[in-house]
Amino acid sequence: MTKNQKYEAKLKAQGLKKTTVWLPEELEPELKELLEFFKNNKHCDPVLVARNRETNKFTKIS
C-alpha cells in the first residue's frame, strides 16, 4: 500500500469520502473553509441557504 493509499484509507475510516468538485475560483476559499468546518464539527448540520450577489437576498436551496 502506497503512502497516499494509507492516507486515503485513514480518512475513509474516519467516515470521510474523497470527492472532486468543480467550482468558481472566487468561491474556493469560502467553500474550503466551510468544508473544513463541517469536517471538524460533525455535530453541526449545514443550512442550505445562498445569498444572491445582485439582490443581496438569501435564497433557500431545495
Protein backbone atom coordinates (compact mmCIF):
# COMPACT_ATOMS: atom_id res chain seq x y z
CA MET A 1 0.00 0.00 0.00
CA THR A 2 1.43 3.38 -1.01
CA LYS A 3 1.69 6.35 1.32
CA ASN A 4 -1.25 8.05 -0.43
CA GLN A 5 -3.39 4.90 -0.22
CA LYS A 6 -2.70 4.68 3.53
CA TYR A 7 -3.66 8.34 3.93
CA GLU A 8 -6.90 7.86 1.99
CA ALA A 9 -7.73 4.69 3.95
CA LYS A 10 -7.21 6.59 7.22
CA LEU A 11 -9.61 9.35 6.15
CA LYS A 12 -12.14 6.82 4.87
CA ALA A 13 -12.02 5.09 8.27
CA GLN A 14 -12.98 8.47 9.79
CA GLY A 15 -16.15 8.43 7.70
CA LEU A 16 -14.89 10.85 5.05
CA LYS A 17 -15.35 10.49 1.29
CA LYS A 18 -12.98 11.74 -1.41
CA THR A 19 -14.83 13.93 -3.91
CA THR A 20 -13.79 16.15 -6.81
CA VAL A 21 -15.88 19.27 -7.34
CA TRP A 22 -15.52 21.99 -9.96
CA LEU A 23 -16.37 25.40 -8.54
CA PRO A 24 -15.92 29.07 -9.35
CA GLU A 25 -12.39 30.15 -8.49
CA GLU A 26 -13.53 33.14 -6.42
CA LEU A 27 -15.59 30.88 -4.12
CA GLU A 28 -12.82 28.39 -3.37
CA PRO A 29 -11.55 29.97 -0.11
CA GLU A 30 -15.03 30.24 1.42
CA LEU A 31 -16.06 26.75 0.37
CA LYS A 32 -12.81 25.22 1.65
CA GLU A 33 -13.37 26.92 4.99
CA LEU A 34 -16.96 25.67 5.17
CA LEU A 35 -15.95 22.12 4.29
CA GLU A 36 -13.17 22.12 6.87
CA PHE A 37 -15.62 23.39 9.49
CA PHE A 38 -18.12 20.60 8.81
CA LYS A 39 -15.33 18.04 8.69
CA ASN A 40 -14.27 19.07 12.20
CA ASN A 41 -17.78 19.69 13.58
CA LYS A 42 -19.79 16.64 12.61
CA HIS A 43 -22.47 17.57 15.16
CA CYS A 44 -23.43 20.58 13.01
CA ASP A 45 -25.77 20.41 10.03
CA PRO A 46 -25.37 22.69 7.02
CA VAL A 47 -28.26 25.06 6.44
CA LEU A 48 -28.78 25.19 2.71
CA VAL A 49 -29.10 28.89 2.02
CA ALA A 50 -27.36 31.02 -0.58
CA ARG A 51 -27.11 34.79 -0.98
CA ASN A 52 -27.90 36.34 -4.33
CA ARG A 53 -24.96 38.63 -5.19
CA GLU A 54 -27.16 41.01 -7.18
CA THR A 55 -30.03 41.47 -4.72
CA ASN A 56 -28.16 40.56 -1.51
CA LYS A 57 -31.19 38.46 -0.50
CA PHE A 58 -30.96 34.93 0.82
CA THR A 59 -32.36 32.05 -1.21
CA LYS A 60 -33.22 28.64 0.19
CA ILE A 61 -31.66 25.74 -1.70
CA SER A 62 -34.21 22.98 -2.19
